[in-house]
């Protein structure tokens, strides 16, 4: 979708998900939540 001068792309799944308390770890190198 286009919003506020940006294009937002999303990839959504119905899988195992994750606990939002650890969202800050997702984009760190060698960080795994599972």
ModelCIF file with pLDDT and N, C-alpha, C, O atoms, coordinates in Angstrom:
data_MODEL
#
_entry.id   MODEL 
#
_entity.id                         1 
_entity.type                       polymer 
_entity.pdbx_number_of_molecules   1 
#
_entity_poly.entity_id                      1 
_entity_poly.type                           'polypeptide(L)' 
_entity_poly.nstd_linkage                   no 
_entity_poly.nstd_monomer                   no 
_entity_poly.pdbx_seq_one_letter_code       
;(UNK)(UNK)(UNK)(UNK)(UNK)(UNK)(UNK)(UNK)(UNK)(UNK)(UNK)(UNK)(UNK)(UNK)(UNK)(UNK)
(UNK)(UNK)(UNK)(UNK)(UNK)(UNK)(UNK)(UNK)(UNK)(UNK)(UNK)(UNK)(UNK)(UNK)(UNK)(UNK)
(UNK)(UNK)
;
_entity_poly.pdbx_seq_one_letter_code_can   XXXXXXXXXXXXXXXXXXXXXXXXXXXXXXXXXX 
_entity_poly.pdbx_strand_id                 A 
#
loop_
_entity_poly_seq.entity_id 
_entity_poly_seq.num 
_entity_poly_seq.mon_id 
_entity_poly_seq.hetero 
1 1  UNK n 
1 2  UNK n 
1 3  UNK n 
1 4  UNK n 
1 5  UNK n 
1 6  UNK n 
1 7  UNK n 
1 8  UNK n 
1 9  UNK n 
1 10 UNK n 
1 11 UNK n 
1 12 UNK n 
1 13 UNK n 
1 14 UNK n 
1 15 UNK n 
1 16 UNK n 
1 17 UNK n 
1 18 UNK n 
1 19 UNK n 
1 20 UNK n 
1 21 UNK n 
1 22 UNK n 
1 23 UNK n 
1 24 UNK n 
1 25 UNK n 
1 26 UNK n 
1 27 UNK n 
1 28 UNK n 
1 29 UNK n 
1 30 UNK n 
1 31 UNK n 
1 32 UNK n 
1 33 UNK n 
1 34 UNK n 
#
_struct_asym.id          A 
_struct_asym.entity_id   1 
#
loop_
_ma_qa_metric.id 
_ma_qa_metric.mode 
_ma_qa_metric.name 
_ma_qa_metric.software_group_id 
_ma_qa_metric.type 
1 global pLDDT . pLDDT 
2 local  pLDDT . pLDDT 
#
_ma_qa_metric_global.metric_id      1 
_ma_qa_metric_global.metric_value   83.41 
_ma_qa_metric_global.model_id       1 
_ma_qa_metric_global.ordinal_id     1 
#
loop_
_ma_qa_metric_local.label_asym_id 
_ma_qa_metric_local.label_comp_id 
_ma_qa_metric_local.label_seq_id 
_ma_qa_metric_local.metric_id 
_ma_qa_metric_local.metric_value 
_ma_qa_metric_local.model_id 
_ma_qa_metric_local.ordinal_id 
A UNK 1  2 97.00 1 1  
A UNK 2  2 96.00 1 2  
A UNK 3  2 94.00 1 3  
A UNK 4  2 93.00 1 4  
A UNK 5  2 92.00 1 5  
A UNK 6  2 96.00 1 6  
A UNK 7  2 97.00 1 7  
A UNK 8  2 98.00 1 8  
A UNK 9  2 98.00 1 9  
A UNK 10 2 98.00 1 10 
A UNK 11 2 98.00 1 11 
A UNK 12 2 98.00 1 12 
A UNK 13 2 96.00 1 13 
A UNK 14 2 97.00 1 14 
A UNK 15 2 92.00 1 15 
A UNK 16 2 90.00 1 16 
A UNK 17 2 88.00 1 17 
A UNK 18 2 87.00 1 18 
A UNK 19 2 84.00 1 19 
A UNK 20 2 90.00 1 20 
A UNK 21 2 88.00 1 21 
A UNK 22 2 80.00 1 22 
A UNK 23 2 86.00 1 23 
A UNK 24 2 83.00 1 24 
A UNK 25 2 79.00 1 25 
A UNK 26 2 83.00 1 26 
A UNK 27 2 82.00 1 27 
A UNK 28 2 75.00 1 28 
A UNK 29 2 56.00 1 29 
A UNK 30 2 42.00 1 30 
A UNK 31 2 55.00 1 31 
A UNK 32 2 50.00 1 32 
A UNK 33 2 50.00 1 33 
A UNK 34 2 48.00 1 34 
#
loop_
_atom_site.group_PDB 
_atom_site.id 
_atom_site.type_symbol 
_atom_site.label_atom_id 
_atom_site.label_alt_id 
_atom_site.label_comp_id 
_atom_site.label_asym_id 
_atom_site.label_entity_id 
_atom_site.label_seq_id 
_atom_site.pdbx_PDB_ins_code 
_atom_site.Cartn_x 
_atom_site.Cartn_y 
_atom_site.Cartn_z 
_atom_site.occupancy 
_atom_site.B_iso_or_equiv 
_atom_site.pdbx_formal_charge 
_atom_site.auth_seq_id 
_atom_site.auth_comp_id 
_atom_site.auth_asym_id 
_atom_site.auth_atom_id 
_atom_site.pdbx_PDB_model_num 
ATOM 1   N N  . UNK A 1 1  ? 0.857  -1.178  0.000  1.00 97.00 ? 1  UNK A N  1 
ATOM 2   C CA . UNK A 1 1  ? 0.000  0.000   0.000  1.00 97.00 ? 1  UNK A CA 1 
ATOM 3   C C  . UNK A 1 1  ? 0.899  1.235   0.000  1.00 97.00 ? 1  UNK A C  1 
ATOM 4   O O  . UNK A 1 1  ? 2.038  1.189   0.463  1.00 97.00 ? 1  UNK A O  1 
ATOM 5   N N  . UNK A 1 2  ? 0.373  2.325   -0.521 1.00 96.00 ? 2  UNK A N  1 
ATOM 6   C CA . UNK A 1 2  ? 1.107  3.583   -0.503 1.00 96.00 ? 2  UNK A CA 1 
ATOM 7   C C  . UNK A 1 2  ? 0.495  4.455   0.566  1.00 96.00 ? 2  UNK A C  1 
ATOM 8   O O  . UNK A 1 2  ? -0.721 4.643   0.610  1.00 96.00 ? 2  UNK A O  1 
ATOM 9   N N  . UNK A 1 3  ? 1.350  4.993   1.438  1.00 94.00 ? 3  UNK A N  1 
ATOM 10  C CA . UNK A 1 3  ? 0.860  5.780   2.562  1.00 94.00 ? 3  UNK A CA 1 
ATOM 11  C C  . UNK A 1 3  ? 1.937  6.770   2.990  1.00 94.00 ? 3  UNK A C  1 
ATOM 12  O O  . UNK A 1 3  ? 3.087  6.388   3.205  1.00 94.00 ? 3  UNK A O  1 
ATOM 13  N N  . UNK A 1 4  ? 1.564  8.035   3.111  1.00 93.00 ? 4  UNK A N  1 
ATOM 14  C CA . UNK A 1 4  ? 2.479  9.081   3.593  1.00 93.00 ? 4  UNK A CA 1 
ATOM 15  C C  . UNK A 1 4  ? 3.806  9.123   2.842  1.00 93.00 ? 4  UNK A C  1 
ATOM 16  O O  . UNK A 1 4  ? 4.867  9.245   3.455  1.00 93.00 ? 4  UNK A O  1 
ATOM 17  N N  . UNK A 1 5  ? 3.745  9.023   1.520  1.00 92.00 ? 5  UNK A N  1 
ATOM 18  C CA . UNK A 1 5  ? 4.954  9.115   0.714  1.00 92.00 ? 5  UNK A CA 1 
ATOM 19  C C  . UNK A 1 5  ? 5.836  7.881   0.733  1.00 92.00 ? 5  UNK A C  1 
ATOM 20  O O  . UNK A 1 5  ? 6.982  7.925   0.287  1.00 92.00 ? 5  UNK A O  1 
ATOM 21  N N  . UNK A 1 6  ? 5.310  6.787   1.245  1.00 96.00 ? 6  UNK A N  1 
ATOM 22  C CA . UNK A 1 6  ? 6.071  5.540   1.291  1.00 96.00 ? 6  UNK A CA 1 
ATOM 23  C C  . UNK A 1 6  ? 5.224  4.414   0.712  1.00 96.00 ? 6  UNK A C  1 
ATOM 24  O O  . UNK A 1 6  ? 3.994  4.462   0.720  1.00 96.00 ? 6  UNK A O  1 
ATOM 25  N N  . UNK A 1 7  ? 5.909  3.420   0.222  1.00 97.00 ? 7  UNK A N  1 
ATOM 26  C CA . UNK A 1 7  ? 5.239  2.187   -0.171 1.00 97.00 ? 7  UNK A CA 1 
ATOM 27  C C  . UNK A 1 7  ? 5.556  1.170   0.914  1.00 97.00 ? 7  UNK A C  1 
ATOM 28  O O  . UNK A 1 7  ? 6.718  0.918   1.232  1.00 97.00 ? 7  UNK A O  1 
ATOM 29  N N  . UNK A 1 8  ? 4.514  0.597   1.467  1.00 98.00 ? 8  UNK A N  1 
ATOM 30  C CA . UNK A 1 8  ? 4.675  -0.400  2.529  1.00 98.00 ? 8  UNK A CA 1 
ATOM 31  C C  . UNK A 1 8  ? 4.377  -1.769  1.933  1.00 98.00 ? 8  UNK A C  1 
ATOM 32  O O  . UNK A 1 8  ? 3.285  -2.014  1.421  1.00 98.00 ? 8  UNK A O  1 
ATOM 33  N N  . UNK A 1 9  ? 5.355  -2.648  2.005  1.00 98.00 ? 9  UNK A N  1 
ATOM 34  C CA . UNK A 1 9  ? 5.190  -4.036  1.565  1.00 98.00 ? 9  UNK A CA 1 
ATOM 35  C C  . UNK A 1 9  ? 5.093  -4.889  2.823  1.00 98.00 ? 9  UNK A C  1 
ATOM 36  O O  . UNK A 1 9  ? 5.812  -4.658  3.795  1.00 98.00 ? 9  UNK A O  1 
ATOM 37  N N  . UNK A 1 10 ? 4.202  -5.872  2.800  1.00 98.00 ? 10 UNK A N  1 
ATOM 38  C CA . UNK A 1 10 ? 4.081  -6.757  3.954  1.00 98.00 ? 10 UNK A CA 1 
ATOM 39  C C  . UNK A 1 10 ? 4.026  -8.208  3.512  1.00 98.00 ? 10 UNK A C  1 
ATOM 40  O O  . UNK A 1 10 ? 3.467  -8.546  2.469  1.00 98.00 ? 10 UNK A O  1 
ATOM 41  N N  . UNK A 1 11 ? 4.619  -9.047  4.332  1.00 98.00 ? 11 UNK A N  1 
ATOM 42  C CA . UNK A 1 11 ? 4.580  -10.495 4.146  1.00 98.00 ? 11 UNK A CA 1 
ATOM 43  C C  . UNK A 1 11 ? 4.039  -11.065 5.452  1.00 98.00 ? 11 UNK A C  1 
ATOM 44  O O  . UNK A 1 11 ? 4.655  -10.937 6.510  1.00 98.00 ? 11 UNK A O  1 
ATOM 45  N N  . UNK A 1 12 ? 2.879  -11.693 5.353  1.00 98.00 ? 12 UNK A N  1 
ATOM 46  C CA . UNK A 1 12 ? 2.165  -12.192 6.529  1.00 98.00 ? 12 UNK A CA 1 
ATOM 47  C C  . UNK A 1 12 ? 2.032  -13.707 6.422  1.00 98.00 ? 12 UNK A C  1 
ATOM 48  O O  . UNK A 1 12 ? 1.799  -14.245 5.339  1.00 98.00 ? 12 UNK A O  1 
ATOM 49  N N  . UNK A 1 13 ? 2.182  -14.390 7.554  1.00 96.00 ? 13 UNK A N  1 
ATOM 50  C CA . UNK A 1 13 ? 1.985  -15.838 7.568  1.00 96.00 ? 13 UNK A CA 1 
ATOM 51  C C  . UNK A 1 13 ? 1.093  -16.232 8.736  1.00 96.00 ? 13 UNK A C  1 
ATOM 52  O O  . UNK A 1 13 ? 0.850  -15.441 9.647  1.00 96.00 ? 13 UNK A O  1 
ATOM 53  N N  . UNK A 1 14 ? 0.615  -17.461 8.694  1.00 97.00 ? 14 UNK A N  1 
ATOM 54  C CA . UNK A 1 14 ? -0.229 -17.985 9.773  1.00 97.00 ? 14 UNK A CA 1 
ATOM 55  C C  . UNK A 1 14 ? 0.539  -18.993 10.626 1.00 97.00 ? 14 UNK A C  1 
ATOM 56  O O  . UNK A 1 14 ? -0.045 -19.919 11.189 1.00 97.00 ? 14 UNK A O  1 
ATOM 57  N N  . UNK A 1 15 ? 1.839  -18.801 10.712 1.00 92.00 ? 15 UNK A N  1 
ATOM 58  C CA . UNK A 1 15 ? 2.709  -19.769 11.379 1.00 92.00 ? 15 UNK A CA 1 
ATOM 59  C C  . UNK A 1 15 ? 2.811  -19.630 12.883 1.00 92.00 ? 15 UNK A C  1 
ATOM 60  O O  . UNK A 1 15 ? 1.863  -19.222 13.555 1.00 92.00 ? 15 UNK A O  1 
ATOM 61  N N  . UNK A 1 16 ? 3.984  -19.979 13.401 1.00 90.00 ? 16 UNK A N  1 
ATOM 62  C CA . UNK A 1 16 ? 4.206  -20.046 14.842 1.00 90.00 ? 16 UNK A CA 1 
ATOM 63  C C  . UNK A 1 16 ? 4.255  -18.677 15.498 1.00 90.00 ? 16 UNK A C  1 
ATOM 64  O O  . UNK A 1 16 ? 4.087  -18.572 16.713 1.00 90.00 ? 16 UNK A O  1 
ATOM 65  N N  . UNK A 1 17 ? 4.481  -17.629 14.723 1.00 88.00 ? 17 UNK A N  1 
ATOM 66  C CA . UNK A 1 17 ? 4.523  -16.290 15.287 1.00 88.00 ? 17 UNK A CA 1 
ATOM 67  C C  . UNK A 1 17 ? 5.674  -16.122 16.255 1.00 88.00 ? 17 UNK A C  1 
ATOM 68  O O  . UNK A 1 17 ? 6.621  -16.909 16.259 1.00 88.00 ? 17 UNK A O  1 
ATOM 69  N N  . UNK A 1 18 ? 5.581  -15.081 17.081 1.00 87.00 ? 18 UNK A N  1 
ATOM 70  C CA . UNK A 1 18 ? 6.602  -14.824 18.086 1.00 87.00 ? 18 UNK A CA 1 
ATOM 71  C C  . UNK A 1 18 ? 6.005  -13.940 19.175 1.00 87.00 ? 18 UNK A C  1 
ATOM 72  O O  . UNK A 1 18 ? 4.960  -13.317 18.991 1.00 87.00 ? 18 UNK A O  1 
ATOM 73  N N  . UNK A 1 19 ? 6.682  -13.901 20.294 1.00 84.00 ? 19 UNK A N  1 
ATOM 74  C CA . UNK A 1 19 ? 6.272  -13.086 21.425 1.00 84.00 ? 19 UNK A CA 1 
ATOM 75  C C  . UNK A 1 19 ? 6.777  -11.664 21.188 1.00 84.00 ? 19 UNK A C  1 
ATOM 76  O O  . UNK A 1 19 ? 7.980  -11.453 21.031 1.00 84.00 ? 19 UNK A O  1 
ATOM 77  N N  . UNK A 1 20 ? 5.863  -10.685 21.161 1.00 90.00 ? 20 UNK A N  1 
ATOM 78  C CA . UNK A 1 20 ? 6.231  -9.295  20.866 1.00 90.00 ? 20 UNK A CA 1 
ATOM 79  C C  . UNK A 1 20 ? 7.217  -8.717  21.890 1.00 90.00 ? 20 UNK A C  1 
ATOM 80  O O  . UNK A 1 20 ? 7.855  -7.701  21.617 1.00 90.00 ? 20 UNK A O  1 
ATOM 81  N N  . UNK A 1 21 ? 7.349  -9.341  23.049 1.00 88.00 ? 21 UNK A N  1 
ATOM 82  C CA . UNK A 1 21 ? 8.343  -8.862  24.018 1.00 88.00 ? 21 UNK A CA 1 
ATOM 83  C C  . UNK A 1 21 ? 9.759  -8.966  23.463 1.00 88.00 ? 21 UNK A C  1 
ATOM 84  O O  . UNK A 1 21 ? 10.666 -8.287  23.945 1.00 88.00 ? 21 UNK A O  1 
ATOM 85  N N  . UNK A 1 22 ? 9.955  -9.822  22.443 1.00 80.00 ? 22 UNK A N  1 
ATOM 86  C CA . UNK A 1 22 ? 11.290 -10.044 21.905 1.00 80.00 ? 22 UNK A CA 1 
ATOM 87  C C  . UNK A 1 22 ? 11.453 -9.500  20.486 1.00 80.00 ? 22 UNK A C  1 
ATOM 88  O O  . UNK A 1 22 ? 12.416 -9.837  19.798 1.00 80.00 ? 22 UNK A O  1 
ATOM 89  N N  . UNK A 1 23 ? 10.519 -8.667  20.053 1.00 86.00 ? 23 UNK A N  1 
ATOM 90  C CA . UNK A 1 23 ? 10.554 -8.144  18.685 1.00 86.00 ? 23 UNK A CA 1 
ATOM 91  C C  . UNK A 1 23 ? 11.861 -7.407  18.403 1.00 86.00 ? 23 UNK A C  1 
ATOM 92  O O  . UNK A 1 23 ? 12.348 -7.430  17.273 1.00 86.00 ? 23 UNK A O  1 
ATOM 93  N N  . UNK A 1 24 ? 12.429 -6.760  19.407 1.00 83.00 ? 24 UNK A N  1 
ATOM 94  C CA . UNK A 1 24 ? 13.675 -6.004  19.227 1.00 83.00 ? 24 UNK A CA 1 
ATOM 95  C C  . UNK A 1 24 ? 14.858 -6.896  18.821 1.00 83.00 ? 24 UNK A C  1 
ATOM 96  O O  . UNK A 1 24 ? 15.853 -6.393  18.300 1.00 83.00 ? 24 UNK A O  1 
ATOM 97  N N  . UNK A 1 25 ? 14.762 -8.187  19.049 1.00 79.00 ? 25 UNK A N  1 
ATOM 98  C CA . UNK A 1 25 ? 15.841 -9.109  18.696 1.00 79.00 ? 25 UNK A CA 1 
ATOM 99  C C  . UNK A 1 25 ? 15.783 -9.585  17.245 1.00 79.00 ? 25 UNK A C  1 
ATOM 100 O O  . UNK A 1 25 ? 16.783 -10.065 16.711 1.00 79.00 ? 25 UNK A O  1 
ATOM 101 N N  . UNK A 1 26 ? 14.625 -9.458  16.609 1.00 83.00 ? 26 UNK A N  1 
ATOM 102 C CA . UNK A 1 26 ? 14.407 -10.065 15.292 1.00 83.00 ? 26 UNK A CA 1 
ATOM 103 C C  . UNK A 1 26 ? 15.413 -9.648  14.230 1.00 83.00 ? 26 UNK A C  1 
ATOM 104 O O  . UNK A 1 26 ? 15.855 -10.482 13.440 1.00 83.00 ? 26 UNK A O  1 
ATOM 105 N N  . UNK A 1 27 ? 15.780 -8.377  14.199 1.00 82.00 ? 27 UNK A N  1 
ATOM 106 C CA . UNK A 1 27 ? 16.607 -7.872  13.110 1.00 82.00 ? 27 UNK A CA 1 
ATOM 107 C C  . UNK A 1 27 ? 18.090 -7.805  13.463 1.00 82.00 ? 27 UNK A C  1 
ATOM 108 O O  . UNK A 1 27 ? 18.884 -7.230  12.719 1.00 82.00 ? 27 UNK A O  1 
ATOM 109 N N  . UNK A 1 28 ? 18.460 -8.396  14.600 1.00 75.00 ? 28 UNK A N  1 
ATOM 110 C CA . UNK A 1 28 ? 19.865 -8.461  14.993 1.00 75.00 ? 28 UNK A CA 1 
ATOM 111 C C  . UNK A 1 28 ? 20.528 -9.683  14.378 1.00 75.00 ? 28 UNK A C  1 
ATOM 112 O O  . UNK A 1 28 ? 19.883 -10.709 14.161 1.00 75.00 ? 28 UNK A O  1 
ATOM 113 N N  . UNK A 1 29 ? 21.815 -9.568  14.103 1.00 56.00 ? 29 UNK A N  1 
ATOM 114 C CA . UNK A 1 29 ? 22.538 -10.678 13.483 1.00 56.00 ? 29 UNK A CA 1 
ATOM 115 C C  . UNK A 1 29 ? 22.661 -11.839 14.476 1.00 56.00 ? 29 UNK A C  1 
ATOM 116 O O  . UNK A 1 29 ? 22.957 -11.632 15.653 1.00 56.00 ? 29 UNK A O  1 
ATOM 117 N N  . UNK A 1 30 ? 22.435 -13.041 13.995 1.00 42.00 ? 30 UNK A N  1 
ATOM 118 C CA . UNK A 1 30 ? 22.489 -14.294 14.757 1.00 42.00 ? 30 UNK A CA 1 
ATOM 119 C C  . UNK A 1 30 ? 21.463 -14.349 15.893 1.00 42.00 ? 30 UNK A C  1 
ATOM 120 O O  . UNK A 1 30 ? 21.636 -15.114 16.842 1.00 42.00 ? 30 UNK A O  1 
ATOM 121 N N  . UNK A 1 31 ? 20.403 -13.550 15.804 1.00 55.00 ? 31 UNK A N  1 
ATOM 122 C CA . UNK A 1 31 ? 19.345 -13.587 16.816 1.00 55.00 ? 31 UNK A CA 1 
ATOM 123 C C  . UNK A 1 31 ? 18.250 -14.530 16.331 1.00 55.00 ? 31 UNK A C  1 
ATOM 124 O O  . UNK A 1 31 ? 17.777 -14.428 15.199 1.00 55.00 ? 31 UNK A O  1 
ATOM 125 N N  . UNK A 1 32 ? 17.862 -15.432 17.194 1.00 50.00 ? 32 UNK A N  1 
ATOM 126 C CA . UNK A 1 32 ? 16.806 -16.386 16.854 1.00 50.00 ? 32 UNK A CA 1 
ATOM 127 C C  . UNK A 1 32 ? 15.799 -16.412 17.991 1.00 50.00 ? 32 UNK A C  1 
ATOM 128 O O  . UNK A 1 32 ? 16.173 -16.363 19.163 1.00 50.00 ? 32 UNK A O  1 
ATOM 129 N N  . UNK A 1 33 ? 14.524 -16.490 17.645 1.00 50.00 ? 33 UNK A N  1 
ATOM 130 C CA . UNK A 1 33 ? 13.480 -16.580 18.663 1.00 50.00 ? 33 UNK A CA 1 
ATOM 131 C C  . UNK A 1 33 ? 12.917 -17.989 18.778 1.00 50.00 ? 33 UNK A C  1 
ATOM 132 O O  . UNK A 1 33 ? 12.137 -18.286 19.683 1.00 50.00 ? 33 UNK A O  1 
ATOM 133 N N  . UNK A 1 34 ? 13.324 -18.861 17.847 1.00 48.00 ? 34 UNK A N  1 
ATOM 134 C CA . UNK A 1 34 ? 12.835 -20.240 17.860 1.00 48.00 ? 34 UNK A CA 1 
ATOM 135 C C  . UNK A 1 34 ? 14.029 -21.187 17.850 1.00 48.00 ? 34 UNK A C  1 
ATOM 136 O O  . UNK A 1 34 ? 13.851 -22.405 17.859 1.00 48.00 ? 34 UNK A O  1 
#
